[in-house]
Amino acid sequence: MLRLYDYAASANCYKARLLLAQLERDFERVPIDIFDGDTLTPEFARLNPRREVPVLELDDGRVLVESNAILWYLGAGTPFLPAEPAAQAEVVRWLIYEQSDVMPMIGGLRFRLITCRIEPGGEEAHRRTTGAYAALALLDEHLSSHEFLAAGRYTVADSSVYAYSHVAGQAGIDTSAYPAFRAWLGRVEAQPGFVNDLEPYPANASVLAGRSIYG
């Protein structure tokens, strides 16, 4: 059975849980408290030397890290990942954009504001807010003429980008000016097997409250 080392408040982990639910794949969920030192042990370092989640352990003992690599593995050979090279390239485009812009700007802003790592009116919050609106504008423009992000159908590109972009409101980002983006959120949420079990950050995620690699 697949084993997912998982932190419930991480959108990177949520991506994997979402796709596993949509694939109706059985898996063992291993809770990891990234703010209580669970990733700082030698045992976890053997799973992922970068001490990050998610980690997917395969039934043959091999280990996969990095959320989008895990999505690619799980999606291979299913309707969630096209087989045609150009369509695959479209998916890769959005997986890269999710990690380069959506995650650090929207997800990073949410994390840092909620856990008091930055001040709402500060320079860093302004930088990430500006980046978040730029990401939403690009997504909205693309989605105004596409039902889904890539390959003309729902793919792992959508599950990846959805994981961080749907929490924009928790970062104080107003999405009302992006109707195509909001309509796409609804289409993602209407997919068979959809789940949203992303949990809020617990108290020990606040700055200096726990033990982790996150300052």
C-alpha atoms as a PDB file:
ATOM      1  CA  MET A   1       0.000   0.000   0.000  1.00  0.00           C
ATOM      2  CA  LEU A   2       1.135   3.553  -0.681  1.00  0.00           C
ATOM      3  CA  ARG A   3       2.225   5.462   2.402  1.00  0.00           C
ATOM      4  CA  LEU A   4       1.863   9.270   2.444  1.00  0.00           C
ATOM      5  CA  TYR A   5       3.876  11.223   5.015  1.00  0.00           C
ATOM      6  CA  ASP A   6       1.595  14.168   5.368  1.00  0.00           C
ATOM      7  CA  TYR A   7       0.964  17.476   7.147  1.00  0.00           C
ATOM      8  CA  ALA A   8      -2.738  18.324   7.150  1.00  0.00           C
ATOM      9  CA  ALA A   9      -2.318  22.110   6.822  1.00  0.00           C
ATOM     10  CA  SER A  10       0.095  21.915   3.882  1.00  0.00           C
ATOM     11  CA  ALA A  11      -1.428  22.580   0.470  1.00  0.00           C
ATOM     12  CA  ASN A  12       1.452  20.622  -1.079  1.00  0.00           C
ATOM     13  CA  CYS A  13       0.267  17.604   0.899  1.00  0.00           C
ATOM     14  CA  TYR A  14      -3.361  18.384   0.108  1.00  0.00           C
ATOM     15  CA  LYS A  15      -2.562  18.049  -3.615  1.00  0.00           C
ATOM     16  CA  ALA A  16      -1.555  14.432  -3.104  1.00  0.00           C
ATOM     17  CA  ARG A  17      -4.567  13.638  -0.919  1.00  0.00           C
ATOM     18  CA  LEU A  18      -6.901  15.192  -3.486  1.00  0.00           C
ATOM     19  CA  LEU A  19      -5.542  13.159  -6.383  1.00  0.00           C
ATOM     20  CA  LEU A  20      -5.451   9.950  -4.351  1.00  0.00           C
ATOM     21  CA  ALA A  21      -9.116  10.490  -3.459  1.00  0.00           C
ATOM     22  CA  GLN A  22     -10.037  11.130  -7.087  1.00  0.00           C
ATOM     23  CA  LEU A  23      -8.149   8.010  -8.161  1.00  0.00           C
ATOM     24  CA  GLU A  24      -9.829   6.022  -5.373  1.00  0.00           C
ATOM     25  CA  ARG A  25      -6.408   4.746  -4.353  1.00  0.00           C
ATOM     26  CA  ASP A  26      -5.977   3.189  -0.929  1.00  0.00           C
ATOM     27  CA  PHE A  27      -3.098   4.626   1.051  1.00  0.00           C
ATOM     28  CA  GLU A  28      -1.779   4.847   4.575  1.00  0.00           C
ATOM     29  CA  ARG A  29      -1.628   8.395   5.870  1.00  0.00           C
ATOM     30  CA  VAL A  30       1.283   9.050   8.234  1.00  0.00           C
ATOM     31  CA  PRO A  31       0.734  12.368  10.056  1.00  0.00           C
ATOM     32  CA  ILE A  32       3.886  14.473  10.323  1.00  0.00           C
ATOM     33  CA  ASP A  33       3.916  17.558  12.535  1.00  0.00           C
ATOM     34  CA  ILE A  34       6.414  19.754  10.731  1.00  0.00           C
ATOM     35  CA  PHE A  35       6.374  22.245  13.627  1.00  0.00           C
ATOM     36  CA  ASP A  36       6.977  19.709  16.379  1.00  0.00           C
ATOM     37  CA  GLY A  37      10.284  18.347  15.132  1.00  0.00           C
ATOM     38  CA  ASP A  38       8.919  15.322  13.244  1.00  0.00           C
ATOM     39  CA  THR A  39      10.962  16.163  10.150  1.00  0.00           C
ATOM     40  CA  LEU A  40      14.145  16.810  12.159  1.00  0.00           C
ATOM     41  CA  THR A  41      14.797  13.175  13.059  1.00  0.00           C
ATOM     42  CA  PRO A  42      17.416  10.977  11.379  1.00  0.00           C
ATOM     43  CA  GLU A  43      14.600   8.627  10.349  1.00  0.00           C
ATOM     44  CA  PHE A  44      12.813  11.341   8.402  1.00  0.00           C
ATOM     45  CA  ALA A  45      16.070  12.579   6.867  1.00  0.00           C
ATOM     46  CA  ARG A  46      16.464   9.130   5.327  1.00  0.00           C
ATOM     47  CA  LEU A  47      13.078   9.608   3.650  1.00  0.00           C
ATOM     48  CA  ASN A  48      13.767  13.167   2.493  1.00  0.00           C
ATOM     49  CA  PRO A  49      17.072  14.889   3.233  1.00  0.00           C
ATOM     50  CA  ARG A  50      15.375  18.247   2.636  1.00  0.00           C
ATOM     51  CA  ARG A  51      13.094  17.462   5.604  1.00  0.00           C
ATOM     52  CA  GLU A  52       9.923  18.446   3.762  1.00  0.00           C
ATOM     53  CA  VAL A  53       6.526  16.892   3.161  1.00  0.00           C
ATOM     54  CA  PRO A  54       4.828  15.330   1.314  1.00  0.00           C
ATOM     55  CA  VAL A  55       6.754  12.111   0.948  1.00  0.00           C
ATOM     56  CA  LEU A  56       5.174   9.177  -0.884  1.00  0.00           C
ATOM     57  CA  GLU A  57       6.566   5.743  -0.064  1.00  0.00           C
ATOM     58  CA  LEU A  58       5.735   3.154  -2.698  1.00  0.00           C
ATOM     59  CA  ASP A  59       4.831  -0.421  -1.905  1.00  0.00           C
ATOM     60  CA  ASP A  60       8.282  -1.562  -3.059  1.00  0.00           C
ATOM     61  CA  GLY A  61      10.001   0.797  -0.610  1.00  0.00           C
ATOM     62  CA  ARG A  62      11.018   3.484  -3.100  1.00  0.00           C
ATOM     63  CA  VAL A  63      10.371   7.060  -2.001  1.00  0.00           C
ATOM     64  CA  LEU A  64       9.113  10.044  -3.999  1.00  0.00           C
ATOM     65  CA  VAL A  65       9.404  13.667  -2.839  1.00  0.00           C
ATOM     66  CA  GLU A  66       8.250  17.040  -4.215  1.00  0.00           C
ATOM     67  CA  SER A  67       4.482  17.416  -4.498  1.00  0.00           C
ATOM     68  CA  ASN A  68       4.242  17.875  -8.256  1.00  0.00           C
ATOM     69  CA  ALA A  69       6.540  14.914  -8.917  1.00  0.00           C
ATOM     70  CA  ILE A  70       4.195  12.858  -6.744  1.00  0.00           C
ATOM     71  CA  LEU A  71       1.194  14.092  -8.748  1.00  0.00           C
ATOM     72  CA  TRP A  72       2.950  13.158 -11.983  1.00  0.00           C
ATOM     73  CA  TYR A  73       3.665   9.650 -10.719  1.00  0.00           C
ATOM     74  CA  LEU A  74       0.124   9.119  -9.468  1.00  0.00           C
ATOM     75  CA  GLY A  75      -1.420  10.579 -12.618  1.00  0.00           C
ATOM     76  CA  ALA A  76       0.630   8.541 -15.088  1.00  0.00           C
ATOM     77  CA  GLY A  77      -1.528   6.152 -17.069  1.00  0.00           C
ATOM     78  CA  THR A  78      -4.762   7.794 -15.880  1.00  0.00           C
ATOM     79  CA  PRO A  79      -7.033  10.471 -17.398  1.00  0.00           C
ATOM     80  CA  PHE A  80      -5.419  13.002 -15.036  1.00  0.00           C
ATOM     81  CA  LEU A  81      -2.216  13.057 -17.115  1.00  0.00           C
ATOM     82  CA  PRO A  82      -2.387  13.083 -20.922  1.00  0.00           C
ATOM     83  CA  ALA A  83      -0.130  10.772 -22.907  1.00  0.00           C
ATOM     84  CA  GLU A  84       0.437  13.087 -25.880  1.00  0.00           C
ATOM     85  CA  PRO A  85       3.759  14.992 -25.566  1.00  0.00           C
ATOM     86  CA  ALA A  86       2.457  18.484 -26.359  1.00  0.00           C
ATOM     87  CA  ALA A  87      -0.409  18.064 -23.894  1.00  0.00           C
ATOM     88  CA  GLN A  88       2.054  16.829 -21.282  1.00  0.00           C
ATOM     89  CA  ALA A  89       4.157  19.923 -21.919  1.00  0.00           C
ATOM     90  CA  GLU A  90       1.095  22.076 -21.181  1.00  0.00           C
ATOM     91  CA  VAL A  91       0.677  20.288 -17.868  1.00  0.00           C
ATOM     92  CA  VAL A  92       4.348  20.792 -17.027  1.00  0.00           C
ATOM     93  CA  ARG A  93       4.009  24.494 -17.819  1.00  0.00           C
ATOM     94  CA  TRP A  94       1.373  24.915 -15.116  1.00  0.00           C
ATOM     95  CA  LEU A  95       3.134  22.679 -12.605  1.00  0.00           C
ATOM     96  CA  ILE A  96       6.182  24.918 -12.952  1.00  0.00           C
ATOM     97  CA  TYR A  97       4.105  28.088 -12.698  1.00  0.00           C
ATOM     98  CA  GLU A  98       2.391  26.778  -9.580  1.00  0.00           C
ATOM     99  CA  GLN A  99       5.729  26.351  -7.831  1.00  0.00           C
ATOM    100  CA  SER A 100       7.337  29.540  -9.166  1.00  0.00           C
ATOM    101  CA  ASP A 101       4.442  31.986  -8.672  1.00  0.00           C
ATOM    102  CA  VAL A 102       1.204  30.602  -7.206  1.00  0.00           C
ATOM    103  CA  MET A 103       2.727  28.786  -4.238  1.00  0.00           C
ATOM    104  CA  PRO A 104       5.235  31.441  -3.086  1.00  0.00           C
ATOM    105  CA  MET A 105       2.930  34.380  -3.655  1.00  0.00           C
ATOM    106  CA  ILE A 106      -0.521  33.154  -2.610  1.00  0.00           C
ATOM    107  CA  GLY A 107       0.489  30.215  -0.431  1.00  0.00           C
ATOM    108  CA  GLY A 108       3.531  31.945   0.997  1.00  0.00           C
ATOM    109  CA  LEU A 109       1.533  35.057   1.833  1.00  0.00           C
ATOM    110  CA  ARG A 110      -1.159  32.979   3.571  1.00  0.00           C
ATOM    111  CA  PHE A 111       1.380  31.044   5.613  1.00  0.00           C
ATOM    112  CA  ARG A 112       3.403  34.066   6.686  1.00  0.00           C
ATOM    113  CA  LEU A 113       0.406  36.197   7.627  1.00  0.00           C
ATOM    114  CA  ILE A 114      -1.424  33.479   9.549  1.00  0.00           C
ATOM    115  CA  THR A 115       1.680  32.446  11.474  1.00  0.00           C
ATOM    116  CA  CYS A 116       2.757  36.048  12.152  1.00  0.00           C
ATOM    117  CA  ARG A 117       5.999  35.794  10.217  1.00  0.00           C
ATOM    118  CA  ILE A 118       5.306  39.072   8.421  1.00  0.00           C
ATOM    119  CA  GLU A 119       3.213  42.150   9.166  1.00  0.00           C
ATOM    120  CA  PRO A 120       0.076  42.687   7.033  1.00  0.00           C
ATOM    121  CA  GLY A 121       1.154  46.183   5.980  1.00  0.00           C
ATOM    122  CA  GLY A 122       4.850  45.459   5.641  1.00  0.00           C
ATOM    123  CA  GLU A 123       7.107  45.449   2.615  1.00  0.00           C
ATOM    124  CA  GLU A 124       7.230  41.659   2.305  1.00  0.00           C
ATOM    125  CA  ALA A 125       3.452  41.372   2.520  1.00  0.00           C
ATOM    126  CA  HIS A 126       3.130  44.024  -0.173  1.00  0.00           C
ATOM    127  CA  ARG A 127       5.573  42.182  -2.444  1.00  0.00           C
ATOM    128  CA  ARG A 128       3.740  38.900  -2.094  1.00  0.00           C
ATOM    129  CA  THR A 129       0.315  40.520  -2.425  1.00  0.00           C
ATOM    130  CA  THR A 130       1.386  42.170  -5.667  1.00  0.00           C
ATOM    131  CA  GLY A 131       2.681  38.830  -6.903  1.00  0.00           C
ATOM    132  CA  ALA A 132      -0.538  37.088  -5.869  1.00  0.00           C
ATOM    133  CA  TYR A 133      -2.683  39.485  -7.892  1.00  0.00           C
ATOM    134  CA  ALA A 134      -0.352  39.090 -10.873  1.00  0.00           C
ATOM    135  CA  ALA A 135      -0.746  35.312 -10.654  1.00  0.00           C
ATOM    136  CA  LEU A 136      -4.527  35.593 -10.436  1.00  0.00           C
ATOM    137  CA  ALA A 137      -4.616  37.933 -13.439  1.00  0.00           C
ATOM    138  CA  LEU A 138      -2.631  35.463 -15.533  1.00  0.00           C
ATOM    139  CA  LEU A 139      -4.812  32.548 -14.452  1.00  0.00           C
ATOM    140  CA  ASP A 140      -7.994  34.503 -15.102  1.00  0.00           C
ATOM    141  CA  GLU A 141      -6.872  35.511 -18.590  1.00  0.00           C
ATOM    142  CA  HIS A 142      -6.016  31.932 -19.500  1.00  0.00           C
ATOM    143  CA  LEU A 143      -9.182  30.500 -17.996  1.00  0.00           C
ATOM    144  CA  SER A 144     -11.374  33.012 -19.798  1.00  0.00           C
ATOM    145  CA  SER A 145     -10.855  30.887 -22.925  1.00  0.00           C
ATOM    146  CA  HIS A 146     -10.058  27.483 -21.394  1.00  0.00           C
ATOM    147  CA  GLU A 147     -12.300  25.310 -19.245  1.00  0.00           C
ATOM    148  CA  PHE A 148      -9.269  23.815 -17.505  1.00  0.00           C
ATOM    149  CA  LEU A 149      -5.587  24.706 -17.438  1.00  0.00           C
ATOM    150  CA  ALA A 150      -4.152  22.134 -19.847  1.00  0.00           C
ATOM    151  CA  ALA A 151      -5.002  19.487 -22.429  1.00  0.00           C
ATOM    152  CA  GLY A 152      -8.643  20.548 -22.670  1.00  0.00           C
ATOM    153  CA  ARG A 153      -9.666  18.648 -19.555  1.00  0.00           C
ATOM    154  CA  TYR A 154      -9.102  18.339 -15.808  1.00  0.00           C
ATOM    155  CA  THR A 155      -5.538  17.194 -15.108  1.00  0.00           C
ATOM    156  CA  VAL A 156      -2.957  17.217 -12.345  1.00  0.00           C
ATOM    157  CA  ALA A 157      -2.206  20.795 -13.436  1.00  0.00           C
ATOM    158  CA  ASP A 158      -5.602  21.827 -12.091  1.00  0.00           C
ATOM    159  CA  SER A 159      -5.268  19.921  -8.819  1.00  0.00           C
ATOM    160  CA  SER A 160      -1.822  21.441  -8.256  1.00  0.00           C
ATOM    161  CA  VAL A 161      -2.768  25.060  -8.958  1.00  0.00           C
ATOM    162  CA  TYR A 162      -6.088  24.725  -7.115  1.00  0.00           C
ATOM    163  CA  ALA A 163      -4.381  23.591  -3.907  1.00  0.00           C
ATOM    164  CA  TYR A 164      -2.768  26.965  -3.255  1.00  0.00           C
ATOM    165  CA  SER A 165      -4.932  29.362  -5.260  1.00  0.00           C
ATOM    166  CA  HIS A 166      -8.256  28.454  -3.642  1.00  0.00           C
ATOM    167  CA  VAL A 167      -7.036  29.791  -0.281  1.00  0.00           C
ATOM    168  CA  ALA A 168      -6.321  33.272  -1.647  1.00  0.00           C
ATOM    169  CA  GLY A 169      -9.050  34.736   0.544  1.00  0.00           C
ATOM    170  CA  GLN A 170      -7.269  33.470   3.661  1.00  0.00           C
ATOM    171  CA  ALA A 171      -4.340  35.666   2.630  1.00  0.00           C
ATOM    172  CA  GLY A 172      -6.564  38.724   2.299  1.00  0.00           C
ATOM    173  CA  ILE A 173      -6.649  38.496  -1.501  1.00  0.00           C
ATOM    174  CA  ASP A 174      -9.912  39.630  -3.107  1.00  0.00           C
ATOM    175  CA  THR A 175     -10.695  37.391  -6.098  1.00  0.00           C
ATOM    176  CA  SER A 176     -13.945  39.112  -7.117  1.00  0.00           C
ATOM    177  CA  ALA A 177     -12.288  40.802 -10.097  1.00  0.00           C
ATOM    178  CA  TYR A 178     -11.324  37.422 -11.579  1.00  0.00           C
ATOM    179  CA  PRO A 179     -14.586  35.746 -12.690  1.00  0.00           C
ATOM    180  CA  ALA A 180     -12.973  33.152 -14.959  1.00  0.00           C
ATOM    181  CA  PHE A 181     -10.714  32.049 -12.131  1.00  0.00           C
ATOM    182  CA  ARG A 182     -13.649  31.800  -9.727  1.00  0.00           C
ATOM    183  CA  ALA A 183     -15.682  29.798 -12.244  1.00  0.00           C
ATOM    184  CA  TRP A 184     -12.728  27.425 -12.650  1.00  0.00           C
ATOM    185  CA  LEU A 185     -12.603  26.902  -8.880  1.00  0.00           C
ATOM    186  CA  GLY A 186     -16.202  25.743  -9.103  1.00  0.00           C
ATOM    187  CA  ARG A 187     -15.424  23.349 -11.956  1.00  0.00           C
ATOM    188  CA  VAL A 188     -12.559  21.827  -9.994  1.00  0.00           C
ATOM    189  CA  GLU A 189     -14.769  21.408  -6.934  1.00  0.00           C
ATOM    190  CA  ALA A 190     -17.411  19.684  -9.078  1.00  0.00           C
ATOM    191  CA  GLN A 191     -15.001  16.936 -10.200  1.00  0.00           C
ATOM    192  CA  PRO A 192     -15.824  13.366  -9.113  1.00  0.00           C
ATOM    193  CA  GLY A 193     -14.031  12.391  -5.932  1.00  0.00           C
ATOM    194  CA  PHE A 194     -13.193  15.980  -4.990  1.00  0.00           C
ATOM    195  CA  VAL A 195     -12.273  16.533  -1.338  1.00  0.00           C
ATOM    196  CA  ASN A 196     -11.135  19.603   0.543  1.00  0.00           C
ATOM    197  CA  ASP A 197      -9.600  18.459   3.797  1.00  0.00           C
ATOM    198  CA  LEU A 198      -6.967  21.205   4.044  1.00  0.00           C
ATOM    199  CA  GLU A 199      -6.785  22.111   7.717  1.00  0.00           C
ATOM    200  CA  PRO A 200      -5.907  25.500   9.255  1.00  0.00           C
ATOM    201  CA  TYR A 201      -2.435  26.025  10.666  1.00  0.00           C
ATOM    202  CA  PRO A 202      -2.330  24.987  14.345  1.00  0.00           C
ATOM    203  CA  ALA A 203      -0.958  27.173  17.122  1.00  0.00           C
ATOM    204  CA  ASN A 204       2.503  25.622  17.025  1.00  0.00           C
ATOM    205  CA  ALA A 205       2.973  26.869  13.444  1.00  0.00           C
ATOM    206  CA  SER A 206       3.251  30.441  14.690  1.00  0.00           C
ATOM    207  CA  VAL A 207       6.688  32.001  14.523  1.00  0.00           C
ATOM    208  CA  LEU A 208       9.030  30.736  17.287  1.00  0.00           C
ATOM    209  CA  ALA A 209       6.288  28.453  18.678  1.00  0.00           C
ATOM    210  CA  GLY A 210       7.542  25.149  17.309  1.00  0.00           C
ATOM    211  CA  ARG A 211      10.628  23.324  16.105  1.00  0.00           C
ATOM    212  CA  SER A 212      11.061  23.113  12.348  1.00  0.00           C
ATOM    213  CA  ILE A 213      13.179  24.148   9.372  1.00  0.00           C
ATOM    214  CA  TYR A 214      10.842  27.104   8.835  1.00  0.00           C
ATOM    215  CA  GLY A 215      12.029  30.340  10.402  1.00  0.00           C
END
